[in-house]
C-alpha atoms as a PDB file:
ATOM      1  CA  MET A   1     -43.600 -19.431 -21.020  1.00  0.00           C
ATOM      2  CA  PRO A   2     -41.360 -20.766 -17.528  1.00  0.00           C
ATOM      3  CA  TRP A   3     -38.553 -19.305 -18.721  1.00  0.00           C
ATOM      4  CA  ILE A   4     -39.938 -15.712 -19.280  1.00  0.00           C
ATOM      5  CA  LEU A   5     -40.492 -15.843 -15.799  1.00  0.00           C
ATOM      6  CA  MET A   6     -37.109 -17.121 -14.344  1.00  0.00           C
ATOM      7  CA  ALA A   7     -35.483 -14.876 -16.812  1.00  0.00           C
ATOM      8  CA  ALA A   8     -37.671 -11.705 -15.235  1.00  0.00           C
ATOM      9  CA  VAL A   9     -36.609 -13.481 -11.751  1.00  0.00           C
ATOM     10  CA  GLY A  10     -32.854 -13.043 -12.717  1.00  0.00           C
ATOM     11  CA  LEU A  11     -33.061  -9.464 -14.186  1.00  0.00           C
ATOM     12  CA  GLY A  12     -34.295  -8.397 -10.516  1.00  0.00           C
ATOM     13  CA  THR A  13     -31.758 -10.139  -9.320  1.00  0.00           C
ATOM     14  CA  ALA A  14     -28.871  -9.074 -10.825  1.00  0.00           C
ATOM     15  CA  GLY A  15     -30.597  -5.120 -10.416  1.00  0.00           C
ATOM     16  CA  LEU A  16     -30.445  -5.721  -7.371  1.00  0.00           C
ATOM     17  CA  LEU A  17     -27.160  -6.465  -6.859  1.00  0.00           C
ATOM     18  CA  VAL A  18     -26.640  -3.891  -9.227  1.00  0.00           C
ATOM     19  CA  LEU A  19     -28.352  -1.387  -7.253  1.00  0.00           C
ATOM     20  CA  GLY A  20     -27.065  -3.041  -3.667  1.00  0.00           C
ATOM     21  CA  VAL A  21     -23.210  -2.125  -4.976  1.00  0.00           C
ATOM     22  CA  LEU A  22     -23.816   1.837  -6.067  1.00  0.00           C
ATOM     23  CA  SER A  23     -25.229   2.511  -2.449  1.00  0.00           C
ATOM     24  CA  MET A  24     -22.390   0.745  -0.666  1.00  0.00           C
ATOM     25  CA  ARG A  25     -20.205   2.940  -3.024  1.00  0.00           C
ATOM     26  CA  LEU A  26     -21.518   6.183  -2.868  1.00  0.00           C
ATOM     27  CA  TRP A  27     -21.936   5.425   1.074  1.00  0.00           C
ATOM     28  CA  LEU A  28     -17.757   5.107   1.025  1.00  0.00           C
ATOM     29  CA  ASP A  29     -17.517   7.489  -0.977  1.00  0.00           C
ATOM     30  CA  VAL A  30     -19.823  10.225   1.294  1.00  0.00           C
ATOM     31  CA  ARG A  31     -17.934   9.053   4.047  1.00  0.00           C
ATOM     32  CA  VAL A  32     -14.517   9.800   2.770  1.00  0.00           C
ATOM     33  CA  LEU A  33     -16.004  13.339   1.276  1.00  0.00           C
ATOM     34  CA  SER A  34     -17.269  14.125   5.038  1.00  0.00           C
ATOM     35  CA  ARG A  35     -14.027  13.873   6.530  1.00  0.00           C
ATOM     36  CA  GLU A  36     -11.770  15.713   4.022  1.00  0.00           C
ATOM     37  CA  VAL A  37     -14.625  18.354   5.389  1.00  0.00           C
ATOM     38  CA  ASP A  38     -13.882  17.888   8.406  1.00  0.00           C
ATOM     39  CA  THR A  39     -10.561  18.132   8.002  1.00  0.00           C
ATOM     40  CA  ALA A  40     -10.870  21.645   5.670  1.00  0.00           C
ATOM     41  CA  SER A  41     -13.077  22.804   8.662  1.00  0.00           C
ATOM     42  CA  ARG A  42     -10.962  22.670  10.772  1.00  0.00           C
ATOM     43  CA  THR A  43      -7.794  23.874   9.198  1.00  0.00           C
ATOM     44  CA  LEU A  44      -9.527  26.450   8.069  1.00  0.00           C
ATOM     45  CA  ALA A  45     -10.872  27.259  11.976  1.00  0.00           C
ATOM     46  CA  GLU A  46      -7.354  27.446  12.548  1.00  0.00           C
ATOM     47  CA  ALA A  47      -6.329  29.886  10.001  1.00  0.00           C
ATOM     48  CA  CYS A  48      -8.997  31.636  11.316  1.00  0.00           C
ATOM     49  CA  GLY A  49      -7.807  31.883  14.853  1.00  0.00           C
ATOM     50  CA  GLU A  50      -4.052  33.182  14.208  1.00  0.00           C
ATOM     51  CA  LEU A  51      -5.104  35.436  11.751  1.00  0.00           C
ATOM     52  CA  SER A  52      -6.995  37.001  14.434  1.00  0.00           C
ATOM     53  CA  ALA A  53      -4.444  36.703  17.205  1.00  0.00           C
ATOM     54  CA  THR A  54      -2.515  38.471  14.277  1.00  0.00           C
ATOM     55  CA  VAL A  55      -4.941  41.285  13.775  1.00  0.00           C
ATOM     56  CA  ARG A  56      -5.247  42.338  17.413  1.00  0.00           C
ATOM     57  CA  GLY A  57      -1.755  42.403  18.443  1.00  0.00           C
END
């Protein structure tokens, strides 16, 4: 019977480690994505400014 408990603890620990790795990976992906979105929005804002300057005059 104790081997069943040890197996359950081992599987639980492995599951928590996998969840930890997946959450770190997700966090890193979100960081990269947020940087790309920030760069794209700044570029779009700059292009809109140039376009409005061209239209005005």
